[in-house]
C-alpha atoms as a PDB file:
ATOM      1  CA  GLN A   1     -29.661 349.689-108.614  1.00  0.00           C
ATOM      2  CA  GLU A   2     -27.597 349.207-104.927  1.00  0.00           C
ATOM      3  CA  GLU A   3     -30.759 348.548-104.157  1.00  0.00           C
ATOM      4  CA  LYS A   4     -30.979 345.093-106.203  1.00  0.00           C
ATOM      5  CA  LEU A   5     -27.406 343.997-104.974  1.00  0.00           C
ATOM      6  CA  PRO A   6     -27.442 340.609-102.587  1.00  0.00           C
ATOM      7  CA  ASP A   7     -25.926 341.887 -99.970  1.00  0.00           C
ATOM      8  CA  ILE A   8     -28.458 344.563 -99.376  1.00  0.00           C
ATOM      9  CA  HIS A   9     -31.232 342.349 -99.317  1.00  0.00           C
ATOM     10  CA  VAL A  10     -29.081 340.349 -96.513  1.00  0.00           C
ATOM     11  CA  LEU A  11     -28.523 343.477 -94.780  1.00  0.00           C
ATOM     12  CA  LYS A  12     -32.582 344.076 -95.234  1.00  0.00           C
ATOM     13  CA  ALA A  13     -33.857 340.926 -94.017  1.00  0.00           C
ATOM     14  CA  LEU A  14     -31.620 341.338 -90.851  1.00  0.00           C
ATOM     15  CA  GLU A  15     -32.859 345.227 -90.287  1.00  0.00           C
ATOM     16  CA  HIS A  16     -35.909 343.585 -90.390  1.00  0.00           C
ATOM     17  CA  PHE A  17     -35.478 340.527 -88.081  1.00  0.00           C
ATOM     18  CA  LEU A  18     -33.562 343.002 -85.197  1.00  0.00           C
ATOM     19  CA  ALA A  19     -36.501 345.453 -86.054  1.00  0.00           C
ATOM     20  CA  GLN A  20     -39.096 342.516 -84.065  1.00  0.00           C
ATOM     21  CA  PRO A  21     -40.039 342.312 -80.487  1.00  0.00           C
ATOM     22  CA  THR A  22     -37.243 340.033 -79.102  1.00  0.00           C
ATOM     23  CA  GLN A  23     -39.143 336.747 -77.217  1.00  0.00           C
ATOM     24  CA  GLN A  24     -36.473 334.348 -76.514  1.00  0.00           C
ATOM     25  CA  PRO A  25     -32.479 334.605 -76.896  1.00  0.00           C
ATOM     26  CA  PHE A  26     -31.296 334.300 -80.573  1.00  0.00           C
ATOM     27  CA  PHE A  27     -28.183 333.728 -82.886  1.00  0.00           C
ATOM     28  CA  CYS A  28     -28.642 335.484 -86.056  1.00  0.00           C
ATOM     29  CA  ALA A  29     -25.903 335.023 -88.377  1.00  0.00           C
ATOM     30  CA  ALA A  30     -25.626 337.547 -91.527  1.00  0.00           C
ATOM     31  CA  GLY A  31     -23.122 336.815 -93.970  1.00  0.00           C
ATOM     32  CA  PHE A  32     -21.734 339.419 -96.521  1.00  0.00           C
ATOM     33  CA  TYR A  33     -20.292 338.477 -99.740  1.00  0.00           C
ATOM     34  CA  LYS A  34     -18.294 341.241-100.327  1.00  0.00           C
ATOM     35  CA  PRO A  35     -15.449 342.234-100.452  1.00  0.00           C
ATOM     36  CA  HIS A  36     -14.964 338.653-102.343  1.00  0.00           C
ATOM     37  CA  LEU A  37     -14.722 338.420-106.395  1.00  0.00           C
ATOM     38  CA  PRO A  38     -16.135 339.879-108.504  1.00  0.00           C
ATOM     39  CA  TRP A  39     -15.087 343.703-107.108  1.00  0.00           C
ATOM     40  CA  HIS A  40     -17.947 344.844-107.962  1.00  0.00           C
ATOM     41  CA  ALA A  41     -19.681 347.763-105.811  1.00  0.00           C
ATOM     42  CA  PRO A  42     -21.738 350.948-106.171  1.00  0.00           C
ATOM     43  CA  ARG A  43     -20.025 354.364-107.661  1.00  0.00           C
ATOM     44  CA  ARG A  44     -19.796 355.950-104.697  1.00  0.00           C
ATOM     45  CA  PHE A  45     -17.737 353.735-102.688  1.00  0.00           C
ATOM     46  CA  PHE A  46     -15.514 353.845-105.458  1.00  0.00           C
ATOM     47  CA  ASP A  47     -15.288 357.625-104.979  1.00  0.00           C
ATOM     48  CA  MET A  48     -13.808 357.139-101.536  1.00  0.00           C
ATOM     49  CA  ILE A  49     -10.707 355.648-102.659  1.00  0.00           C
ATOM     50  CA  SER A  50      -7.822 356.989-104.794  1.00  0.00           C
ATOM     51  CA  ALA A  51      -7.482 356.386-108.330  1.00  0.00           C
ATOM     52  CA  ASP A  52      -3.927 356.111-107.496  1.00  0.00           C
ATOM     53  CA  PRO A  53      -3.749 353.677-104.435  1.00  0.00           C
ATOM     54  CA  ALA A  54      -0.341 352.745-102.400  1.00  0.00           C
ATOM     55  CA  LEU A  55       0.424 349.418-103.562  1.00  0.00           C
ATOM     56  CA  PRO A  56       1.927 346.630-101.736  1.00  0.00           C
ATOM     57  CA  LEU A  57       5.607 345.707-101.095  1.00  0.00           C
ATOM     58  CA  VAL A  58       6.548 343.033-103.937  1.00  0.00           C
ATOM     59  CA  ARG A  59       9.688 342.256-104.220  1.00  0.00           C
ATOM     60  CA  ALA A  60      10.794 340.053-107.683  1.00  0.00           C
ATOM     61  CA  ASP A  61      13.195 337.777-105.241  1.00  0.00           C
ATOM     62  CA  ASP A  62      10.488 337.241-103.022  1.00  0.00           C
ATOM     63  CA  LEU A  63      10.347 333.382-103.905  1.00  0.00           C
ATOM     64  CA  ASP A  64      13.864 332.452-103.954  1.00  0.00           C
ATOM     65  CA  ASP A  65      13.371 331.131-100.123  1.00  0.00           C
ATOM     66  CA  ALA A  66      10.318 329.595-100.586  1.00  0.00           C
ATOM     67  CA  PRO A  67      10.115 325.748-100.873  1.00  0.00           C
ATOM     68  CA  PRO A  68       8.476 324.109-104.211  1.00  0.00           C
ATOM     69  CA  ILE A  69       4.947 323.619-103.381  1.00  0.00           C
ATOM     70  CA  ALA A  70       4.840 327.251-101.753  1.00  0.00           C
ATOM     71  CA  ARG A  71       6.206 328.166-104.830  1.00  0.00           C
ATOM     72  CA  GLU A  72       3.607 326.492-107.066  1.00  0.00           C
ATOM     73  CA  TRP A  73       0.789 327.800-104.847  1.00  0.00           C
ATOM     74  CA  ALA A  74       1.934 331.349-105.222  1.00  0.00           C
ATOM     75  CA  LEU A  75       2.222 331.497-109.110  1.00  0.00           C
ATOM     76  CA  THR A  76      -0.719 329.034-110.206  1.00  0.00           C
ATOM     77  CA  PRO A  77      -2.619 330.799-111.722  1.00  0.00           C
ATOM     78  CA  PRO A  78      -0.467 333.367-112.647  1.00  0.00           C
ATOM     79  CA  ASP A  79      -2.547 335.907-111.485  1.00  0.00           C
ATOM     80  CA  HIS A  80       0.651 338.509-110.752  1.00  0.00           C
ATOM     81  CA  ASP A  81       1.764 338.056-114.338  1.00  0.00           C
ATOM     82  CA  LEU A  82      -1.314 339.042-115.829  1.00  0.00           C
ATOM     83  CA  VAL A  83      -2.315 341.575-113.544  1.00  0.00           C
ATOM     84  CA  THR A  84       0.818 343.569-114.474  1.00  0.00           C
ATOM     85  CA  SER A  85       0.987 342.820-117.827  1.00  0.00           C
ATOM     86  CA  ARG A  86      -2.702 344.861-118.564  1.00  0.00           C
ATOM     87  CA  GLY A  87      -1.344 347.366-116.573  1.00  0.00           C
ATOM     88  CA  VAL A  88      -4.111 347.276-113.703  1.00  0.00           C
ATOM     89  CA  TRP A  89      -2.603 346.660-110.731  1.00  0.00           C
ATOM     90  CA  LYS A  90      -3.813 349.789-109.327  1.00  0.00           C
ATOM     91  CA  ASP A  91      -7.115 349.547-110.834  1.00  0.00           C
ATOM     92  CA  ALA A  92      -7.515 346.094-108.718  1.00  0.00           C
ATOM     93  CA  VAL A  93      -6.293 346.929-105.359  1.00  0.00           C
ATOM     94  CA  ARG A  94      -8.653 350.057-105.757  1.00  0.00           C
ATOM     95  CA  SER A  95     -11.401 347.527-106.533  1.00  0.00           C
ATOM     96  CA  TYR A  96     -10.905 345.651-103.650  1.00  0.00           C
ATOM     97  CA  LEU A  97     -10.809 349.001-101.506  1.00  0.00           C
ATOM     98  CA  ALA A  98     -14.230 349.831-102.797  1.00  0.00           C
ATOM     99  CA  CYS A  99     -15.444 347.058-101.938  1.00  0.00           C
ATOM    100  CA  VAL A 100     -14.300 346.697 -98.955  1.00  0.00           C
ATOM    101  CA  ALA A 101     -15.868 350.140 -97.983  1.00  0.00           C
ATOM    102  CA  PHE A 102     -18.720 348.738 -99.221  1.00  0.00           C
ATOM    103  CA  ALA A 103     -18.535 345.931 -96.711  1.00  0.00           C
ATOM    104  CA  ASP A 104     -17.861 348.551 -93.869  1.00  0.00           C
ATOM    105  CA  HIS A 105     -21.225 349.979 -94.662  1.00  0.00           C
ATOM    106  CA  LEU A 106     -22.933 347.128 -94.423  1.00  0.00           C
ATOM    107  CA  VAL A 107     -21.553 346.741 -90.969  1.00  0.00           C
ATOM    108  CA  GLY A 108     -22.270 349.781 -90.180  1.00  0.00           C
ATOM    109  CA  ARG A 109     -26.040 349.700 -90.995  1.00  0.00           C
ATOM    110  CA  LEU A 110     -26.582 346.163 -89.367  1.00  0.00           C
ATOM    111  CA  VAL A 111     -24.972 347.547 -86.339  1.00  0.00           C
ATOM    112  CA  GLU A 112     -27.355 350.511 -86.094  1.00  0.00           C
ATOM    113  CA  ALA A 113     -30.353 348.114 -86.711  1.00  0.00           C
ATOM    114  CA  LEU A 114     -28.841 346.254 -83.343  1.00  0.00           C
ATOM    115  CA  ASP A 115     -28.547 349.880 -81.470  1.00  0.00           C
ATOM    116  CA  ARG A 116     -32.718 350.871 -82.308  1.00  0.00           C
ATOM    117  CA  SER A 117     -33.569 347.070 -81.320  1.00  0.00           C
ATOM    118  CA  GLU A 118     -34.854 345.856 -77.872  1.00  0.00           C
ATOM    119  CA  ALA A 119     -31.885 343.676 -78.169  1.00  0.00           C
ATOM    120  CA  ARG A 120     -29.367 345.885 -77.754  1.00  0.00           C
ATOM    121  CA  GLU A 121     -27.878 346.069 -74.363  1.00  0.00           C
ATOM    122  CA  ASN A 122     -27.570 342.200 -73.927  1.00  0.00           C
ATOM    123  CA  THR A 123     -26.179 341.592 -77.420  1.00  0.00           C
ATOM    124  CA  ALA A 124     -22.656 340.217 -77.587  1.00  0.00           C
ATOM    125  CA  ILE A 125     -21.193 340.817 -81.444  1.00  0.00           C
ATOM    126  CA  VAL A 126     -18.962 338.937 -83.263  1.00  0.00           C
ATOM    127  CA  LEU A 127     -16.927 340.486 -86.664  1.00  0.00           C
ATOM    128  CA  CYS A 128     -15.044 338.279 -88.523  1.00  0.00           C
ATOM    129  CA  GLY A 129     -13.821 337.186 -92.120  1.00  0.00           C
ATOM    130  CA  ASP A 130     -13.351 333.714 -93.659  1.00  0.00           C
ATOM    131  CA  ASN A 131      -9.464 334.825 -95.138  1.00  0.00           C
ATOM    132  CA  GLY A 132      -7.135 337.234 -96.066  1.00  0.00           C
ATOM    133  CA  PHE A 133      -5.944 338.114 -99.644  1.00  0.00           C
ATOM    134  CA  HIS A 134      -3.252 338.474-101.197  1.00  0.00           C
ATOM    135  CA  LEU A 135      -2.763 342.063-103.834  1.00  0.00           C
ATOM    136  CA  GLY A 136       0.461 340.743-105.283  1.00  0.00           C
ATOM    137  CA  GLU A 137       2.343 339.949-101.745  1.00  0.00           C
ATOM    138  CA  LYS A 138       4.502 337.260-102.509  1.00  0.00           C
ATOM    139  CA  LEU A 139       3.800 337.816-106.725  1.00  0.00           C
ATOM    140  CA  HIS A 140       0.622 336.140-105.358  1.00  0.00           C
ATOM    141  CA  TRP A 141      -3.387 337.053-105.886  1.00  0.00           C
ATOM    142  CA  ARG A 142      -6.097 335.797-103.436  1.00  0.00           C
ATOM    143  CA  LYS A 143      -6.118 333.305-100.598  1.00  0.00           C
ATOM    144  CA  PHE A 144      -4.809 329.581-101.243  1.00  0.00           C
ATOM    145  CA  ALA A 145      -1.894 330.058 -99.364  1.00  0.00           C
ATOM    146  CA  LEU A 146      -0.614 329.619 -95.526  1.00  0.00           C
ATOM    147  CA  TRP A 147       1.554 332.836 -95.568  1.00  0.00           C
ATOM    148  CA  GLU A 148       0.047 336.269 -93.683  1.00  0.00           C
ATOM    149  CA  GLU A 149      -1.838 338.041 -95.876  1.00  0.00           C
ATOM    150  CA  ALA A 150      -3.980 334.809 -96.727  1.00  0.00           C
ATOM    151  CA  THR A 151      -4.606 333.814 -92.841  1.00  0.00           C
ATOM    152  CA  ARG A 152      -5.376 336.819 -91.296  1.00  0.00           C
ATOM    153  CA  VAL A 153      -8.607 337.777 -90.375  1.00  0.00           C
ATOM    154  CA  PRO A 154     -10.171 340.119 -89.274  1.00  0.00           C
ATOM    155  CA  LEU A 155     -11.740 339.881 -86.151  1.00  0.00           C
ATOM    156  CA  ILE A 156     -13.805 342.092 -83.384  1.00  0.00           C
ATOM    157  CA  TYR A 157     -15.770 341.159 -80.277  1.00  0.00           C
ATOM    158  CA  VAL A 158     -17.721 343.154 -78.620  1.00  0.00           C
ATOM    159  CA  PRO A 159     -19.481 341.827 -75.069  1.00  0.00           C
ATOM    160  CA  PRO A 160     -22.973 342.710 -74.189  1.00  0.00           C
ATOM    161  CA  GLY A 161     -23.232 346.172 -72.640  1.00  0.00           C
ATOM    162  CA  ALA A 162     -19.450 346.479 -74.032  1.00  0.00           C
ATOM    163  CA  SER A 163     -18.070 350.045 -72.668  1.00  0.00           C
ATOM    164  CA  LYS A 164     -14.311 349.903 -74.034  1.00  0.00           C
ATOM    165  CA  HIS A 165     -12.296 349.454 -76.703  1.00  0.00           C
ATOM    166  CA  GLN A 166      -9.367 346.996 -76.792  1.00  0.00           C
ATOM    167  CA  ARG A 167      -6.446 345.153 -79.082  1.00  0.00           C
ATOM    168  CA  VAL A 168      -5.265 342.370 -78.448  1.00  0.00           C
ATOM    169  CA  THR A 169      -1.803 341.329 -80.091  1.00  0.00           C
ATOM    170  CA  ALA A 170      -1.707 337.824 -79.251  1.00  0.00           C
ATOM    171  CA  PRO A 171      -3.423 335.494 -82.177  1.00  0.00           C
ATOM    172  CA  VAL A 172      -6.432 333.656 -81.616  1.00  0.00           C
ATOM    173  CA  SER A 173      -8.358 331.568 -83.523  1.00  0.00           C
ATOM    174  CA  LEU A 174     -11.963 331.656 -85.085  1.00  0.00           C
ATOM    175  CA  ILE A 175     -12.607 328.296 -83.178  1.00  0.00           C
ATOM    176  CA  ASP A 176     -12.604 330.498 -79.848  1.00  0.00           C
ATOM    177  CA  ILE A 177     -15.237 332.122 -81.373  1.00  0.00           C
ATOM    178  CA  HIS A 178     -17.207 328.436 -80.498  1.00  0.00           C
ATOM    179  CA  ASP A 179     -16.219 328.395 -77.031  1.00  0.00           C
ATOM    180  CA  THR A 180     -17.078 332.194 -76.626  1.00  0.00           C
ATOM    181  CA  LEU A 181     -20.691 332.089 -77.851  1.00  0.00           C
ATOM    182  CA  LEU A 182     -21.381 328.518 -75.834  1.00  0.00           C
ATOM    183  CA  ARG A 183     -20.485 330.645 -72.708  1.00  0.00           C
ATOM    184  CA  LEU A 184     -22.733 333.169 -73.474  1.00  0.00           C
ATOM    185  CA  ALA A 185     -25.384 330.746 -73.566  1.00  0.00           C
ATOM    186  CA  GLY A 186     -24.462 329.203 -70.562  1.00  0.00           C
ATOM    187  CA  VAL A 187     -23.369 326.164 -72.287  1.00  0.00           C
ATOM    188  CA  ALA A 188     -19.554 324.858 -71.224  1.00  0.00           C
ATOM    189  CA  ALA A 189     -17.577 324.187 -74.053  1.00  0.00           C
ATOM    190  CA  PRO A 190     -16.369 320.583 -74.698  1.00  0.00           C
ATOM    191  CA  PRO A 191     -12.766 319.918 -74.259  1.00  0.00           C
ATOM    192  CA  GLY A 192     -10.711 321.070 -77.108  1.00  0.00           C
ATOM    193  CA  ASP A 193      -8.404 324.090 -78.831  1.00  0.00           C
ATOM    194  CA  GLY A 194     -10.837 326.748 -78.490  1.00  0.00           C
ATOM    195  CA  CYS A 195     -10.675 329.542 -75.692  1.00  0.00           C
ATOM    196  CA  ASP A 196     -12.925 332.182 -74.384  1.00  0.00           C
ATOM    197  CA  LEU A 197     -11.781 335.348 -76.020  1.00  0.00           C
ATOM    198  CA  GLU A 198     -13.434 337.273 -72.852  1.00  0.00           C
ATOM    199  CA  ARG A 199     -10.880 335.233 -71.049  1.00  0.00           C
ATOM    200  CA  THR A 200      -8.345 336.043 -72.895  1.00  0.00           C
ATOM    201  CA  ILE A 201      -9.102 339.208 -73.238  1.00  0.00           C
ATOM    202  CA  ALA A 202      -9.032 339.826 -69.361  1.00  0.00           C
ATOM    203  CA  GLY A 203      -5.643 338.077 -69.298  1.00  0.00           C
ATOM    204  CA  GLU A 204      -7.313 334.666 -67.529  1.00  0.00           C
ATOM    205  CA  ASP A 205      -6.493 332.323 -70.528  1.00  0.00           C
ATOM    206  CA  ARG A 206      -3.636 332.833 -72.293  1.00  0.00           C
ATOM    207  CA  ALA A 207      -4.180 332.430 -76.211  1.00  0.00           C
ATOM    208  CA  LYS A 208      -2.503 329.640 -77.506  1.00  0.00           C
ATOM    209  CA  PRO A 209      -1.135 329.831 -81.160  1.00  0.00           C
ATOM    210  CA  VAL A 210      -2.997 329.228 -84.453  1.00  0.00           C
ATOM    211  CA  ILE A 211      -3.062 326.579 -86.453  1.00  0.00           C
ATOM    212  CA  THR A 212      -4.074 326.953 -89.957  1.00  0.00           C
ATOM    213  CA  THR A 213      -4.246 324.051 -92.283  1.00  0.00           C
ATOM    214  CA  TRP A 214      -4.606 324.118 -96.175  1.00  0.00           C
ATOM    215  CA  GLY A 215      -4.517 321.212 -98.420  1.00  0.00           C
ATOM    216  CA  ARG A 216      -3.620 317.363 -97.137  1.00  0.00           C
ATOM    217  CA  GLY A 217      -0.652 317.913 -94.965  1.00  0.00           C
ATOM    218  CA  ASN A 218       0.269 321.514 -94.708  1.00  0.00           C
ATOM    219  CA  HIS A 219       0.094 323.523 -91.386  1.00  0.00           C
ATOM    220  CA  SER A 220       1.081 326.819 -90.523  1.00  0.00           C
ATOM    221  CA  LEU A 221       1.537 327.514 -86.789  1.00  0.00           C
ATOM    222  CA  ARG A 222       1.203 331.501 -85.568  1.00  0.00           C
ATOM    223  CA  SER A 223       2.866 332.754 -82.572  1.00  0.00           C
ATOM    224  CA  GLU A 224       2.915 336.146 -81.240  1.00  0.00           C
ATOM    225  CA  ARG A 225       5.947 336.893 -82.752  1.00  0.00           C
ATOM    226  CA  TRP A 226       6.769 334.150 -85.543  1.00  0.00           C
ATOM    227  CA  ARG A 227       5.180 331.891 -87.842  1.00  0.00           C
ATOM    228  CA  TYR A 228       6.462 328.431 -88.659  1.00  0.00           C
ATOM    229  CA  THR A 229       4.804 325.966 -92.079  1.00  0.00           C
ATOM    230  CA  LEU A 230       5.638 322.765 -92.556  1.00  0.00           C
ATOM    231  CA  TYR A 231       4.458 321.342 -95.706  1.00  0.00           C
ATOM    232  CA  SER A 232       3.498 317.941 -96.451  1.00  0.00           C
ATOM    233  CA  ASP A 233       6.742 316.965 -98.538  1.00  0.00           C
ATOM    234  CA  GLY A 234       8.801 318.122 -95.190  1.00  0.00           C
ATOM    235  CA  ALA A 235       9.405 320.995 -96.749  1.00  0.00           C
ATOM    236  CA  GLU A 236       9.702 324.255 -94.041  1.00  0.00           C
END
């Protein structure tokens, strides 16, 4: 049944595309759905994950200093109470991790397809997610918040012909992908909030604090050391 999963269909379409001779420059996007809910994945990926996974550190008083809007977001719907009252917290964490392992497998196969193609040496790779996910932190589940767990996403950028690994701790934004890809295409980026990731990696373009907005008038600003969140009612 694994071959019938939607993400497998996406993978096969991309594998077929990359196997064709490249006649001109291309932009190719692969949107894998996992680890989005529902947390269904082939059994072999569940077998990779311990049946007794470590749970996030959660304090019962973790919302005591949160303003009303943040508390409302965290507790509506009451997912944490539901998960813990049913005794399935570890099952949920294991399922999430299994779906992450499945997504990692899909990405690996896609990179292998690129490595077999004619475009291997002159193609950049950008891997990103669209949101983070709470697994009980701040008594919250899913996204729909402006805390670190919901707003931090994976982002890996591999320039064409890259030969070394480098970790950048300064926060960057998904907006930066826009400027980076435009430069690779030989197009000047319009003035805006984006940074060229290659220039940031090289230390030539200092990363700017990153802003995330959820709902009207609710903003969270992230620097390398701090996060500051201002809610629409003026609460901080």
